[in-house]
Structure formats: structure tokens, C-alpha cells
Amino acid sequence: MKNPNEPRRVLVIQTAFLGDIVLTIPLIRALKKYRPEIELFFLTTPVGKSLLEDQHSIDKIIVYDKKGEDKGSVSLFRKIKEIKKYHIDTVLSPHRSFRSGIIALLSGAKVRIGYNLPYLIPFYTVRLKRHKDMHEIDRILSLLKPLNLKLSADDRYPSLKTKNTIRHQGVIGIAPGSVWGTKQWTEEGYAGLIKQLHEKGYGIVLIGSSSDKKITDRIKAVAGVELNDMTGKTDLKGLVELLSSLTLLVTNDNGAMQVAQSVNTPIVAIFGPTVPEQGFAPIRPNTIVLENEGLYCRPCSAHGPMECPEGHFLCMKAITPDVVFRAAEKMLGGDA
């Protein structure tokens, strides 16, 4: 006989940025892998839907466009009313927002699993400590502990299915954008790196959303070499396919970095105001993280502000094109 207390209809809430959604993939896959009988619902943004709608682990994606058509309190409660129709019995919320807490509380679920943060305590029936010294993937996976799932080491890796089966040897992606200004390595640095890579005969692909177009245009103009500019030319599914075709991605700490690790593309990641110890660096072994270690002001915030609080921006300016080029050569098996 089935245990009536076992979860049957589970809602996972993750309406943060693209990178956060990617880091939630291990939890989603583990739920379906070890509890295939569960009907799994995922509340996410339009970006999250585009990323995950073909991934087969989720039974239903519920789109919450909190910055668009679902903006405001009236739309919030309309969305909660929609969620209640699915008779959810268990909620897991990696998203730490007050709004996600309200959604969990009013979802109708008797079991609501979240973090033991002071402002979230009223919303969750099971509250777990969010360990600052853990990787974000492990922090998210810790929400599965009350369900008694025994995970393997491979369950930690974000993984997205792609149609692409070919990696183009010697083709390197450059993803210079970020939502946060100080997470962006200097445009001069990227232009200098592109020149060095081009001189070595590597193919270069500029990658970014339409909001990164001004940045990539300036980098392209300063570099002055032939390259493939894909800025704003792919939707999210196209980005997944593009990243899976590259030999290497050189990137800031951004969403493209997280998507790249989910398709097992080697990465050189440039960290400035943030540090890997905060838990958001790629965890796959085919990654090099570059940073100005020991700088007194790092990390300056959880995300990295739009401008350097100290006015010197040494966390990024001290990382030279030569340093990044040597790391790229090392990842590519060249003469580092």
C-alpha cells in the first residue's frame, strides 16, 4: 500500500534569473529520477519555460511573468488561484523571495519546504538551513532531504538535452555581458583576447542577448578582426544549441556560463566582484575560474553592483588579456 504522506503532486518554485534556473535543474532531475511517480509542476519565468519545456523531467510548467503580464498583486493572486487548481501537496522553493513564500503558503500544499531564513519562516512547514559554505547546487539539493532521496555524485551536474551532436574544433565563444555592471570584464580586455585568439587561428563567436549589443559592438570595433557576431540572434533554445557546439566558452559570471556547463562545454570564467566561494561557479572539472585573489574588497556584494564601490575596479582590471589567453590555451590543450 502506498504511504498517503508520500508526495504525489510537487511544485518547485524558481522565478529568479537564468543562471538560478539552470542551477535548479539537478533538483528537478533528481525528483523525477528517484520518484518517477511524482507529478512535477514547475513555476518559473518565461525564460525558464523556454529553457526547460523540452527537457521531459517536468510534467507541467506554470509560467509566472512577474515583470510582464503577471506584474502586480492582482496578477499574483490570480496565479495562486491557478496553482490551487492543481491540488499540490508538496512545495519546494529554492527561490528565496518573499513573493515565492506567499505563493507557497497559499498554494494549498500541506508540506512546504524552504530555507530557514527569518523572513521566510511563516511560509514553510519544513525549513532547512541555507549553508553559506556550500555550492548553490548543493544548497538547492538539500531541499530534497525531507523526501529521503539518496543522490549520487553525478546528480549534482546541471544537464540539458540538445539536438546538437557536433563540437566545432577551434571555435571559441565569448560572452561578455551581465545583468550586473561590475561582473563584466573590461571591453578592452575582451578585445585584446579576441585579437590573440584570432592570431592563433581560432574561430570567434560573440554571444549575448539583444541587451548586450552595445557592448559586443564596441568590443568588435576595437578588436578589428573577423568573427561571427551572434549577439541577439538566438532565442534561448538556440543559445543552448550554440553553446553545445563550441570548443570553449570565455565568459563573465553570467547565465551563459551556467547554460554552458549544463551542456558540458569547457569554460574559462572571469570572476570580479563575486567569488566562487559564494557558490555560483561552474562545478564541472572542465572549468578554469580566473579572479584577482586576495583583493581586500572582494566580494563586494552577493551579485556585484553596477559600479565599483571603491572606484578602482581592480577585481577586473587586474585580469589581463594575456592571463585569459593562457587559460584558454590550457583548456584547449595548447602551449599555455
Protein backbone atom coordinates (compact mmCIF):
# COMPACT_ATOMS: atom_id res chain seq x y z
CA MET A 1 0.00 0.00 0.00
CA LYS A 2 1.28 3.48 -0.86
CA ASN A 3 2.07 5.81 2.00
CA PRO A 4 -0.57 8.58 1.95
CA ASN A 5 2.07 11.00 3.24
CA GLU A 6 4.34 10.44 0.23
CA PRO A 7 4.40 13.42 -2.15
CA ARG A 8 2.23 12.95 -5.22
CA ARG A 9 1.95 16.39 -6.80
CA VAL A 10 5.04 18.50 -6.25
CA LEU A 11 5.52 22.17 -7.14
CA VAL A 12 9.04 23.61 -7.48
CA ILE A 13 9.23 27.41 -7.40
CA GLN A 14 12.12 29.14 -9.19
CA THR A 15 11.42 32.53 -10.74
CA ALA A 16 14.90 34.07 -10.49
CA PHE A 17 17.48 34.71 -13.23
CA LEU A 18 18.51 32.31 -15.99
CA GLY A 19 21.56 31.08 -14.08
CA ASP A 20 19.47 30.30 -11.00
CA ILE A 21 17.05 28.31 -13.11
CA VAL A 22 19.92 26.27 -14.56
CA LEU A 23 21.20 25.56 -11.06
CA THR A 24 17.75 24.17 -10.14
CA ILE A 25 17.93 21.53 -12.89
CA PRO A 26 19.69 18.93 -10.67
CA LEU A 27 16.82 19.10 -8.17
CA ILE A 28 14.22 18.71 -10.93
CA ARG A 29 16.02 15.75 -12.49
CA ALA A 30 16.60 14.05 -9.13
CA LEU A 31 12.91 14.28 -8.27
CA LYS A 32 11.93 12.52 -11.49
CA LYS A 33 14.83 10.06 -11.36
CA TYR A 34 14.18 8.78 -7.84
CA ARG A 35 10.43 9.44 -7.60
CA PRO A 36 9.16 8.89 -11.16
CA GLU A 37 5.60 8.50 -9.89
CA ILE A 38 5.53 12.16 -8.82
CA GLU A 39 3.61 14.64 -10.95
CA LEU A 40 6.05 17.52 -11.13
CA PHE A 41 4.97 21.15 -11.60
CA PHE A 42 7.47 23.97 -12.10
CA LEU A 43 6.62 27.62 -11.50
CA THR A 44 9.07 29.77 -13.43
CA THR A 45 9.53 32.76 -15.71
CA PRO A 46 9.02 32.83 -19.49
CA VAL A 47 12.81 32.37 -19.73
CA GLY A 48 12.58 29.25 -17.59
CA LYS A 49 9.80 27.85 -19.75
CA SER A 50 11.82 28.42 -22.91
CA LEU A 51 14.84 26.69 -21.36
CA LEU A 52 13.09 23.65 -19.90
CA GLU A 53 9.91 22.94 -21.87
CA ASP A 54 11.59 20.21 -23.96
CA GLN A 55 13.53 18.59 -21.13
CA HIS A 56 10.98 15.86 -20.23
CA SER A 57 11.51 15.94 -16.46
CA ILE A 58 8.65 18.34 -15.81
CA ASP A 59 5.00 17.37 -16.21
CA LYS A 60 3.70 20.94 -16.30
CA ILE A 61 5.42 24.32 -16.43
CA ILE A 62 3.41 27.17 -14.94
CA VAL A 63 4.62 30.49 -16.30
CA TYR A 64 4.75 33.45 -13.93
CA ASP A 65 5.74 36.56 -15.88
CA LYS A 66 6.27 38.64 -12.76
CA LYS A 67 7.90 41.54 -14.62
CA GLY A 68 5.46 41.48 -17.52
CA GLU A 69 1.84 40.47 -17.88
CA ASP A 70 1.70 38.99 -14.34
CA LYS A 71 3.13 42.08 -12.67
CA GLY A 72 1.34 43.35 -9.58
CA SER A 73 -0.59 41.93 -6.63
CA VAL A 74 -3.82 41.23 -8.54
CA SER A 75 -1.96 39.04 -11.04
CA LEU A 76 -0.07 37.36 -8.19
CA PHE A 77 -3.29 36.17 -6.56
CA ARG A 78 -4.69 35.17 -9.94
CA LYS A 79 -1.62 32.97 -10.40
CA ILE A 80 -2.07 31.49 -6.92
CA LYS A 81 -5.67 30.66 -7.82
CA GLU A 82 -4.41 28.85 -10.92
CA ILE A 83 -1.87 26.88 -8.87
CA LYS A 84 -4.52 25.78 -6.36
CA LYS A 85 -6.42 24.06 -9.17
CA TYR A 86 -3.62 21.50 -9.46
CA HIS A 87 -4.08 20.24 -5.87
CA ILE A 88 -0.39 20.45 -5.00
CA ASP A 89 0.53 18.53 -1.84
CA THR A 90 4.24 19.47 -1.60
CA VAL A 91 6.14 22.66 -2.46
CA LEU A 92 9.91 23.03 -2.74
CA SER A 93 11.18 26.57 -3.13
CA PRO A 94 14.84 27.23 -3.98
CA HIS A 95 13.78 30.83 -4.63
CA ARG A 96 14.23 32.90 -1.50
CA SER A 97 11.88 35.77 -2.23
CA PHE A 98 9.03 36.94 -0.01
CA ARG A 99 6.70 36.65 -3.02
CA SER A 100 7.64 33.00 -3.57
CA GLY A 101 6.93 32.41 0.11
CA ILE A 102 3.43 33.82 -0.29
CA ILE A 103 2.84 31.59 -3.31
CA ALA A 104 3.97 28.55 -1.34
CA LEU A 105 1.82 29.42 1.68
CA LEU A 106 -1.34 29.96 -0.38
CA SER A 107 -0.77 27.09 -2.82
CA GLY A 108 -2.84 24.70 -0.74
CA ALA A 109 0.11 22.37 -0.15
CA LYS A 110 0.33 20.86 3.33
CA VAL A 111 4.08 20.31 3.04
CA ARG A 112 6.11 23.37 2.11
CA ILE A 113 9.89 23.05 2.09
CA GLY A 114 12.13 26.12 2.05
CA TYR A 115 15.06 27.78 3.77
CA ASN A 116 15.23 28.73 7.44
CA LEU A 117 15.67 32.45 6.80
CA PRO A 118 13.94 34.81 9.24
CA TYR A 119 11.64 36.46 6.71
CA LEU A 120 10.62 33.09 5.24
CA ILE A 121 9.75 31.26 8.47
CA PRO A 122 5.95 31.90 8.27
CA PHE A 123 5.69 30.39 4.81
CA TYR A 124 7.25 26.94 5.13
CA THR A 125 6.36 23.91 7.24
CA VAL A 126 9.83 22.37 6.78
CA ARG A 127 12.73 24.81 6.99
CA LEU A 128 16.34 23.91 6.22
CA LYS A 129 19.48 25.85 6.91
CA ARG A 130 20.99 27.51 3.84
CA HIS A 131 24.70 26.88 4.29
CA LYS A 132 26.84 29.74 3.00
CA ASP A 133 29.86 27.46 2.56
CA MET A 134 28.06 25.12 0.12
CA HIS A 135 27.71 25.42 -3.63
CA GLU A 136 24.32 26.72 -4.69
CA ILE A 137 23.52 23.41 -6.39
CA ASP A 138 24.12 21.58 -3.10
CA ARG A 139 22.07 24.15 -1.21
CA ILE A 140 19.18 23.59 -3.61
CA LEU A 141 19.56 19.80 -3.50
CA SER A 142 19.43 19.97 0.31
CA LEU A 143 15.72 20.76 -0.06
CA LEU A 144 15.26 17.11 -1.06
CA LYS A 145 16.47 15.82 2.33
CA PRO A 146 12.97 15.66 3.84
CA LEU A 147 11.99 13.38 0.94
CA ASN A 148 14.78 10.92 1.84
CA LEU A 149 16.29 10.71 -1.64
CA LYS A 150 19.75 9.16 -1.89
CA LEU A 151 21.66 11.10 -4.54
CA SER A 152 24.81 10.17 -6.46
CA ALA A 153 27.74 12.47 -7.27
CA ASP A 154 26.58 12.78 -10.88
CA ASP A 155 23.23 14.16 -9.73
CA ARG A 156 24.99 17.46 -8.93
CA TYR A 157 25.68 18.36 -12.56
CA PRO A 158 23.15 20.54 -14.40
CA SER A 159 22.30 18.81 -17.65
CA LEU A 160 20.28 19.99 -20.64
CA LYS A 161 19.41 17.83 -23.61
CA THR A 162 20.36 19.21 -27.02
CA LYS A 163 19.85 18.17 -30.61
CA ASN A 164 23.41 19.13 -31.46
CA THR A 165 25.96 16.30 -31.65
CA ILE A 166 28.99 18.14 -33.07
CA ARG A 167 31.57 20.35 -31.41
CA HIS A 168 33.32 22.64 -33.86
CA GLN A 169 37.01 22.29 -33.06
CA GLY A 170 38.82 25.56 -32.55
CA VAL A 171 35.64 27.65 -32.26
CA ILE A 172 35.53 29.76 -29.10
CA GLY A 173 32.54 31.62 -27.72
CA ILE A 174 32.90 34.98 -26.00
CA ALA A 175 30.04 36.01 -23.66
CA PRO A 176 30.93 39.49 -22.32
CA GLY A 177 27.56 40.57 -20.93
CA SER A 178 25.96 40.52 -17.50
CA VAL A 179 22.90 41.97 -15.79
CA TRP A 180 25.33 43.40 -13.21
CA GLY A 181 27.79 46.04 -14.45
CA THR A 182 30.80 45.07 -12.36
CA LYS A 183 30.51 41.41 -13.35
CA GLN A 184 31.61 42.44 -16.85
CA TRP A 185 35.30 42.06 -17.63
CA THR A 186 36.62 45.11 -19.46
CA GLU A 187 35.76 45.63 -23.11
CA GLU A 188 39.44 46.32 -23.79
CA GLY A 189 40.29 43.00 -22.17
CA TYR A 190 37.88 41.08 -24.37
CA ALA A 191 39.06 42.90 -27.50
CA GLY A 192 42.69 42.11 -26.66
CA LEU A 193 41.84 38.46 -26.02
CA ILE A 194 39.97 38.18 -29.31
CA LYS A 195 42.98 39.56 -31.19
CA GLN A 196 45.27 36.94 -29.62
CA LEU A 197 42.86 34.10 -30.28
CA HIS A 198 42.40 35.24 -33.88
CA GLU A 199 46.18 35.37 -34.42
CA LYS A 200 46.35 31.75 -33.27
CA GLY A 201 43.75 30.75 -35.84
CA TYR A 202 40.77 30.18 -33.57
CA GLY A 203 37.26 30.97 -34.75
CA ILE A 204 35.45 33.51 -32.56
CA VAL A 205 31.73 33.73 -31.83
CA LEU A 206 30.34 36.69 -29.88
CA ILE A 207 27.40 35.64 -27.71
CA GLY A 208 24.81 37.70 -25.90
CA SER A 209 21.24 38.88 -25.76
CA SER A 210 19.98 41.94 -27.61
CA SER A 211 20.65 43.98 -24.46
CA ASP A 212 24.37 43.19 -24.84
CA LYS A 213 24.54 44.59 -28.38
CA LYS A 214 26.21 47.89 -27.47
CA ILE A 215 28.90 46.05 -25.52
CA THR A 216 29.62 43.50 -28.24
CA ASP A 217 29.63 46.20 -30.94
CA ARG A 218 32.30 48.15 -29.06
CA ILE A 219 34.36 45.02 -28.44
CA LYS A 220 34.09 44.02 -32.09
CA ALA A 221 35.14 47.51 -33.25
CA VAL A 222 38.22 47.59 -31.00
CA ALA A 223 39.24 44.00 -31.84
CA GLY A 224 39.00 44.71 -35.55
CA VAL A 225 39.17 41.07 -36.63
CA GLU A 226 36.86 38.73 -38.46
CA LEU A 227 34.39 36.97 -36.16
CA ASN A 228 30.85 35.64 -36.01
CA ASP A 229 28.63 38.02 -34.06
CA MET A 230 25.60 36.11 -32.76
CA THR A 231 24.54 38.81 -30.28
CA GLY A 232 20.75 38.92 -30.11
CA LYS A 233 20.40 36.41 -32.94
CA THR A 234 19.39 33.34 -30.95
CA ASP A 235 16.49 32.56 -28.67
CA LEU A 236 17.23 30.59 -25.53
CA LYS A 237 16.89 27.21 -27.22
CA GLY A 238 19.24 28.42 -29.93
CA LEU A 239 21.70 29.55 -27.28
CA VAL A 240 21.73 26.06 -25.77
CA GLU A 241 22.46 24.54 -29.18
CA LEU A 242 25.12 27.16 -29.96
CA LEU A 243 26.94 26.70 -26.66
CA SER A 244 26.91 22.93 -27.08
CA SER A 245 28.72 23.32 -30.42
CA LEU A 246 31.69 25.29 -29.04
CA THR A 247 35.13 24.04 -28.11
CA LEU A 248 35.34 26.61 -25.30
CA LEU A 249 33.40 29.49 -23.78
CA VAL A 250 35.15 32.52 -22.26
CA THR A 251 32.63 34.34 -20.13
CA ASN A 252 31.79 36.50 -17.17
CA ASP A 253 29.84 35.12 -14.22
CA ASN A 254 26.51 35.13 -16.07
CA GLY A 255 23.65 33.00 -17.36
CA ALA A 256 25.54 31.85 -20.46
CA MET A 257 28.19 30.40 -18.17
CA GLN A 258 25.60 28.28 -16.35
CA VAL A 259 23.97 27.13 -19.59
CA ALA A 260 27.42 26.20 -20.98
CA GLN A 261 28.15 23.93 -18.03
CA SER A 262 24.75 22.30 -18.48
CA VAL A 263 25.84 21.14 -21.98
CA ASN A 264 29.34 20.24 -20.74
CA THR A 265 31.16 22.92 -22.74
CA PRO A 266 34.61 23.78 -21.33
CA ILE A 267 34.65 27.20 -19.66
CA VAL A 268 37.08 29.94 -18.74
CA ALA A 269 35.06 32.05 -16.29
CA ILE A 270 36.16 35.53 -15.21
CA PHE A 271 35.01 36.46 -11.70
CA GLY A 272 35.32 40.03 -10.43
CA PRO A 273 33.12 41.34 -7.60
CA THR A 274 31.81 37.85 -6.84
CA VAL A 275 33.88 34.86 -5.71
CA PRO A 276 33.45 31.11 -6.30
CA GLU A 277 33.07 30.58 -2.56
CA GLN A 278 29.65 32.22 -2.78
CA GLY A 279 28.53 29.06 -4.55
CA PHE A 280 27.80 30.02 -8.14
CA ALA A 281 30.93 29.00 -10.07
CA PRO A 282 30.67 26.08 -12.52
CA ILE A 283 31.23 22.74 -10.79
CA ARG A 284 32.30 20.62 -13.74
CA PRO A 285 36.04 19.79 -13.88
CA ASN A 286 36.45 21.27 -17.39
CA THR A 287 36.43 24.81 -15.99
CA ILE A 288 39.05 27.42 -15.10
CA VAL A 289 37.96 30.34 -12.91
CA LEU A 290 40.09 33.49 -13.14
CA GLU A 291 39.99 36.05 -10.36
CA ASN A 292 42.08 38.67 -8.60
CA GLU A 293 42.56 36.61 -5.47
CA GLY A 294 43.26 38.33 -2.17
CA LEU A 295 41.86 41.72 -3.20
CA TYR A 296 40.66 43.33 0.03
CA CYS A 297 37.24 44.39 -1.26
CA ARG A 298 36.11 41.07 -2.78
CA PRO A 299 33.36 40.04 -2.67
CA CYS A 300 31.66 43.41 -2.56
CA SER A 301 28.11 42.05 -2.71
CA ALA A 302 26.04 38.99 -3.48
CA HIS A 303 25.64 39.93 -7.15
CA GLY A 304 28.14 42.66 -7.91
CA PRO A 305 26.90 46.28 -8.11
CA MET A 306 26.57 48.26 -11.32
CA GLU A 307 29.67 50.34 -10.48
CA CYS A 308 32.76 49.62 -8.35
CA PRO A 309 32.13 50.92 -4.80
CA GLU A 310 35.86 51.59 -4.37
CA GLY A 311 36.25 53.37 -7.70
CA HIS A 312 39.22 51.30 -8.94
CA PHE A 313 37.59 48.16 -10.40
CA LEU A 314 40.78 46.19 -9.74
CA CYS A 315 38.87 42.94 -9.46
CA MET A 316 38.51 43.05 -13.26
CA LYS A 317 41.16 45.49 -14.48
CA ALA A 318 43.96 43.41 -12.92
CA ILE A 319 42.99 40.43 -15.11
CA THR A 320 44.83 40.95 -18.39
CA PRO A 321 44.16 39.51 -21.86
CA ASP A 322 47.41 37.53 -21.57
CA VAL A 323 46.15 35.81 -18.40
CA VAL A 324 42.85 34.86 -20.02
CA PHE A 325 44.55 33.77 -23.24
CA ARG A 326 46.90 31.43 -21.34
CA ALA A 327 43.92 29.92 -19.50
CA ALA A 328 42.11 29.41 -22.82
CA GLU A 329 45.17 27.75 -24.33
CA LYS A 330 45.43 25.47 -21.31
CA MET A 331 41.80 24.40 -21.68
CA LEU A 332 42.34 23.84 -25.38
CA GLY A 333 45.48 21.77 -24.82
CA GLY A 334 47.78 24.36 -26.38
CA ASP A 335 51.09 25.73 -25.17
CA ALA A 336 49.97 27.53 -22.05
